[in-house]
Protein backbone atom coordinates (compact mmCIF):
# COMPACT_ATOMS: atom_id res chain seq x y z
CA UNK A 1 260.96 177.17 270.96
CA UNK A 2 260.42 176.17 267.35
CA UNK A 3 257.32 176.41 265.19
CA UNK A 4 256.96 174.70 261.81
CA UNK A 5 255.11 176.83 259.25
CA UNK A 6 253.61 175.19 256.17
CA UNK A 7 253.23 178.25 253.96
CA UNK A 8 250.63 178.65 251.21
CA UNK A 9 249.97 181.75 249.17
CA UNK A 10 248.98 185.28 250.15
CA UNK A 11 249.90 187.32 253.24
CA UNK A 12 248.67 184.80 255.82
CA UNK A 13 252.08 183.05 256.18
CA UNK A 14 253.85 186.39 256.65
CA UNK A 15 251.39 187.60 259.29
CA UNK A 16 251.74 184.33 261.16
CA UNK A 17 255.55 184.38 260.85
CA UNK A 18 255.68 187.88 262.32
CA UNK A 19 253.31 186.97 265.17
CA UNK A 20 255.28 183.82 266.02
CA UNK A 21 258.59 185.66 265.98
CA UNK A 22 257.13 188.38 268.23
CA UNK A 23 256.33 185.61 270.72
CA UNK A 24 259.90 184.34 270.65
CA UNK A 25 259.55 181.33 268.37
CA UNK A 26 262.14 180.22 265.87
CA UNK A 27 260.18 179.57 262.66
CA UNK A 28 260.96 176.66 260.35
CA UNK A 29 259.19 177.36 257.06
CA UNK A 30 258.14 174.73 254.56
CA UNK A 31 257.48 176.88 251.44
CA UNK A 32 255.33 175.39 248.67
CA UNK A 33 256.87 176.01 245.26
CA UNK A 34 253.51 176.23 243.58
CA UNK A 35 252.07 178.73 246.05
CA UNK A 36 254.40 180.58 248.48
CA UNK A 37 255.56 184.11 247.76
CA UNK A 38 259.36 184.15 247.17
CA UNK A 39 259.50 187.09 249.58
CA UNK A 40 259.76 184.43 252.29
CA UNK A 41 263.43 184.01 251.29
CA UNK A 42 264.09 187.65 252.12
CA UNK A 43 262.50 187.18 255.56
CA UNK A 44 264.85 184.26 256.23
CA UNK A 45 267.88 186.21 254.97
CA UNK A 46 267.10 189.05 257.39
CA UNK A 47 266.42 186.87 260.43
CA UNK A 48 268.73 184.04 261.50
CA UNK A 49 265.89 182.50 263.51
CA UNK A 50 263.85 181.82 260.35
CA UNK A 51 264.79 178.96 258.04
CA UNK A 52 263.18 178.03 254.73
CA UNK A 53 263.03 174.87 252.65
CA UNK A 54 261.18 174.88 249.35
CA UNK A 55 259.01 171.82 248.67
CA UNK A 56 256.63 170.79 245.89
CA UNK A 57 253.06 169.80 246.58
CA UNK A 58 253.08 166.10 247.30
CA UNK A 59 256.50 165.90 249.04
CA UNK A 60 255.07 164.76 252.37
CA UNK A 61 258.01 162.59 253.34
CA UNK A 62 260.46 165.41 252.70
CA UNK A 63 258.34 167.77 254.79
CA UNK A 64 258.39 165.34 257.71
CA UNK A 65 262.16 164.76 257.37
CA UNK A 66 262.77 168.54 257.32
CA UNK A 67 260.71 169.18 260.42
CA UNK A 68 262.29 166.30 262.31
CA UNK A 69 265.79 167.48 261.34
CA UNK A 70 264.91 170.94 262.72
CA UNK A 71 263.41 169.42 265.93
CA UNK A 72 259.93 170.73 265.13
CA UNK A 73 257.17 169.19 267.23
CA UNK A 74 254.48 171.82 266.62
CA UNK A 75 253.41 173.17 263.24
CA UNK A 76 250.79 175.38 261.62
CA UNK A 77 249.34 175.69 258.11
CA UNK A 78 248.91 179.28 256.92
CA UNK A 79 247.94 180.55 253.47
CA UNK A 80 245.77 179.13 250.78
CA UNK A 81 246.69 176.22 248.60
CA UNK A 82 244.32 176.55 245.67
CA UNK A 83 241.97 173.59 245.55
CA UNK A 84 242.64 173.07 241.86
CA UNK A 85 246.40 172.89 242.63
CA UNK A 86 245.79 170.09 245.07
CA UNK A 87 244.00 168.01 242.42
CA UNK A 88 245.92 169.01 239.25
CA UNK A 89 249.50 169.96 240.18
CA UNK A 90 250.16 167.45 242.89
CA UNK A 91 252.77 164.71 242.25
CA UNK A 92 252.56 162.57 245.32
CA UNK A 93 255.55 160.81 246.87
CA UNK A 94 255.09 157.27 248.20
CA UNK A 95 253.78 158.42 251.59
CA UNK A 96 251.19 160.79 250.14
CA UNK A 97 250.21 158.29 247.42
CA UNK A 98 249.46 155.73 250.10
CA UNK A 99 247.40 158.30 252.00
CA UNK A 100 245.41 159.24 248.90
CA UNK A 101 244.60 155.59 248.15
CA UNK A 102 243.01 155.24 251.59
CA UNK A 103 240.79 158.35 251.43
CA UNK A 104 237.03 157.84 251.17
CA UNK A 105 236.73 161.07 249.22
CA UNK A 106 239.17 163.63 247.78
CA UNK A 107 237.66 166.65 249.56
CA UNK A 108 240.01 169.24 250.95
CA UNK A 109 239.01 168.51 254.55
CA UNK A 110 239.51 164.80 254.08
CA UNK A 111 242.95 165.27 252.47
CA UNK A 112 244.28 167.85 254.91
CA UNK A 113 242.87 165.99 257.88
CA UNK A 114 244.71 162.85 256.76
CA UNK A 115 247.94 164.88 256.38
CA UNK A 116 247.46 166.26 259.90
CA UNK A 117 247.08 162.69 261.22
CA UNK A 118 250.27 161.58 259.49
CA UNK A 119 252.13 164.51 260.98
CA UNK A 120 250.71 163.72 264.41
CA UNK A 121 251.82 160.06 264.11
CA UNK A 122 255.31 161.42 263.44
CA UNK A 123 255.27 163.51 266.62
CA UNK A 124 254.42 166.81 264.84
CA UNK A 125 251.25 168.40 266.25
CA UNK A 126 249.32 170.57 263.81
CA UNK A 127 247.74 173.43 265.75
CA UNK A 128 245.06 175.98 264.88
CA UNK A 129 246.04 178.35 262.13
CA UNK A 130 244.52 181.19 264.19
CA UNK A 131 246.60 180.41 267.27
CA UNK A 132 248.85 183.43 266.83
CA UNK A 133 246.29 185.67 265.08
CA UNK A 134 243.19 185.60 267.27
CA UNK A 135 242.97 189.45 267.31
CA UNK A 136 242.31 189.28 263.57
CA UNK A 137 239.16 187.18 263.98
CA UNK A 138 235.98 189.10 263.09
CA UNK A 139 233.93 190.06 266.13
CA UNK A 140 230.14 189.85 265.94
CA UNK A 141 228.30 192.97 264.75
CA UNK A 142 228.51 195.74 262.18
CA UNK A 143 232.07 196.34 260.96
CA UNK A 144 231.46 199.30 258.64
CA UNK A 145 229.73 202.63 259.15
CA UNK A 146 226.92 201.73 256.75
CA UNK A 147 224.61 198.93 257.88
CA UNK A 148 222.91 196.52 255.45
CA UNK A 149 219.56 197.76 254.24
CA UNK A 150 216.38 195.69 254.30
CA UNK A 151 217.04 194.06 250.94
CA UNK A 152 220.62 193.20 251.88
CA UNK A 153 219.48 191.76 255.24
CA UNK A 154 217.04 189.48 253.38
CA UNK A 155 219.89 188.42 251.10
CA UNK A 156 222.05 187.62 254.16
CA UNK A 157 219.26 185.57 255.76
CA UNK A 158 218.82 183.56 252.61
CA UNK A 159 222.54 183.33 251.84
CA UNK A 160 223.40 182.01 255.31
CA UNK A 161 221.23 178.97 254.84
CA UNK A 162 222.60 178.25 251.37
CA UNK A 163 226.24 178.88 252.29
CA UNK A 164 226.10 176.69 255.39
CA UNK A 165 224.49 173.86 253.39
CA UNK A 166 227.15 174.13 250.67
CA UNK A 167 230.00 174.36 253.20
CA UNK A 168 228.67 171.25 254.88
CA UNK A 169 229.53 169.32 251.73
CA UNK A 170 233.08 170.84 251.64
CA UNK A 171 232.35 172.44 248.28
CA UNK A 172 233.03 176.08 249.13
CA UNK A 173 232.31 178.60 251.85
CA UNK A 174 230.89 181.54 249.87
CA UNK A 175 227.67 182.24 248.00
CA UNK A 176 226.69 185.41 246.12
CA UNK A 177 223.05 186.42 246.28
CA UNK A 178 220.79 188.94 244.55
CA UNK A 179 217.08 189.50 245.42
CA UNK A 180 217.12 186.32 247.60
CA UNK A 181 218.33 184.18 244.69
CA UNK A 182 221.70 182.42 244.49
CA UNK A 183 223.79 183.86 241.65
CA UNK A 184 227.06 182.02 242.31
CA UNK A 185 228.44 179.32 244.60
CA UNK A 186 232.14 179.08 245.34
CA UNK A 187 233.86 175.83 244.35
CA UNK A 188 237.53 175.22 243.57
CA UNK A 189 238.09 178.67 242.05
CA UNK A 190 238.00 180.47 245.43
CA UNK A 191 236.02 183.33 246.92
CA UNK A 192 237.23 186.23 244.83
CA UNK A 193 236.80 184.33 241.55
CA UNK A 194 233.26 183.33 242.54
CA UNK A 195 232.45 187.01 243.21
CA UNK A 196 233.89 187.97 239.80
CA UNK A 197 231.80 185.26 238.16
CA UNK A 198 228.65 186.53 239.83
CA UNK A 199 229.45 190.06 238.62
CA UNK A 200 229.87 188.89 235.04
CA UNK A 201 226.57 187.02 235.18
CA UNK A 202 224.70 190.06 236.57
CA UNK A 203 226.19 192.32 233.89
CA UNK A 204 224.91 189.90 231.22
CA UNK A 205 221.51 189.86 232.81
CA UNK A 206 221.39 193.65 232.97
CA UNK A 207 222.32 193.86 229.32
CA UNK A 208 219.40 191.58 228.48
CA UNK A 209 216.95 193.38 230.83
CA UNK A 210 217.96 197.04 231.20
CA UNK A 211 215.59 197.64 234.14
CA UNK A 212 217.37 195.06 236.36
CA UNK A 213 219.15 196.85 239.20
CA UNK A 214 219.59 194.08 241.72
CA UNK A 215 222.66 194.36 243.93
CA UNK A 216 224.86 191.48 244.94
CA UNK A 217 225.38 190.37 248.55
CA UNK A 218 228.33 188.11 249.41
CA UNK A 219 227.91 185.63 252.27
CA UNK A 220 230.94 183.72 253.58
CA UNK A 221 230.76 181.11 256.36
CA UNK A 222 232.91 178.51 258.07
CA UNK A 223 232.10 174.86 257.61
CA UNK A 224 229.69 173.33 260.11
CA UNK A 225 232.52 171.29 261.65
CA UNK A 226 235.27 173.75 260.74
CA UNK A 227 238.74 172.42 261.59
CA UNK A 228 240.59 175.61 262.60
CA UNK A 229 243.89 173.98 261.67
CA UNK A 230 243.30 174.58 257.96
CA UNK A 231 241.08 176.24 255.37
CA UNK A 232 239.89 178.91 257.80
CA UNK A 233 237.77 181.59 256.08
CA UNK A 234 239.82 184.69 255.24
CA UNK A 235 238.78 188.10 253.94
CA UNK A 236 241.31 190.63 252.67
CA UNK A 237 241.26 193.87 250.68
CA UNK A 238 241.41 191.81 247.46
CA UNK A 239 237.94 190.50 248.35
CA UNK A 240 236.60 194.05 248.69
CA UNK A 241 238.20 194.97 245.37
CA UNK A 242 236.53 191.94 243.77
CA UNK A 243 233.18 193.06 245.18
CA UNK A 244 233.64 196.54 243.80
CA UNK A 245 234.34 195.18 240.31
CA UNK A 246 231.33 192.86 240.55
CA UNK A 247 228.96 195.52 241.82
CA UNK A 248 228.43 193.86 245.22
CA UNK A 249 227.20 196.13 248.01
CA UNK A 250 227.22 193.93 251.10
CA UNK A 251 229.40 191.30 252.73
CA UNK A 252 228.47 188.94 255.59
CA UNK A 253 231.18 186.88 257.34
CA UNK A 254 231.05 184.48 260.26
CA UNK A 255 232.04 186.01 263.61
CA UNK A 256 234.81 184.32 265.53
CA UNK A 257 235.73 182.03 262.62
CA UNK A 258 236.80 184.45 259.87
CA UNK A 259 240.18 186.21 259.69
CA UNK A 260 240.23 189.83 258.54
CA UNK A 261 243.59 190.78 257.01
CA UNK A 262 244.60 194.45 256.74
CA UNK A 263 241.48 195.27 258.72
CA UNK A 264 241.75 199.07 258.67
CA UNK A 265 242.54 199.27 254.99
CA UNK A 266 239.84 196.76 254.17
CA UNK A 267 237.14 198.61 256.11
CA UNK A 268 238.25 202.01 254.79
CA UNK A 269 238.09 200.75 251.20
CA UNK A 270 234.68 199.23 251.83
CA UNK A 271 233.48 202.51 253.31
CA UNK A 272 234.68 204.47 250.29
CA UNK A 273 232.79 202.10 247.99
CA UNK A 274 229.61 202.16 250.12
CA UNK A 275 229.93 198.45 251.00
CA UNK A 276 228.34 197.23 254.24
CA UNK A 277 230.20 194.47 256.14
CA UNK A 278 228.67 192.55 259.04
CA UNK A 279 229.89 189.60 261.12
CA UNK A 280 227.20 187.21 262.31
CA UNK A 281 227.28 184.13 264.51
CA UNK A 282 223.86 182.90 263.36
CA UNK A 283 223.74 179.35 262.09
CA UNK A 284 220.99 177.25 260.53
């Protein structure tokens, strides 16, 4: 059995690679030059059942040719491709250029959905990026020892409505809230950068009004019509570290549709910092 792996950045591709190999799959990796960790070469060197080809963003024809040559009929996307990379670094080949010309909008969902359709038309089925990692999906309820306090719960209630509305427009999946007011909305910069931006803004506000002690709450959701084949919400220890730097005290994620990487380390670090983490399935 062979699985094609379109690898973005971060640890996601490596976790998926290990899970697929544990289930007996040979893994054919399409590594993105602008994103994938070069460590993927070491994995291939140590395992004859893992092959790697490096591609640039935009080389859709070469990706299809590679998968067909390796007899791949099922593939998965794992790892982030920064939104700004998609729209600034991409140099499309003829196939991708044609696809881009026919898009109604240049949103991430629209672009990746169109790529998935092209792959499907070529006999390569793109499956859910959580297919091999379902145990890492956040289960509903309190994930840390400390529960959100009343103020944080109010922030979550408010933030869920805002985040789900924003996600519905495929802008971002995260909002940062203080005292039931939106401090930052994620866009192309990504979750951790949005949290950092909120922290910088709150520090400026505290400097201007020394009595201000409002804490930040981070709310991350899936899109209303989340396609689990790509852009699935992910939280890792880097997110907790970003929250610590920003002075955020609470994190809400969507149950069943958010992957938690390095779960034990993440929750231990959150506990040390006094951060409450909760997974909710509530939608507006």
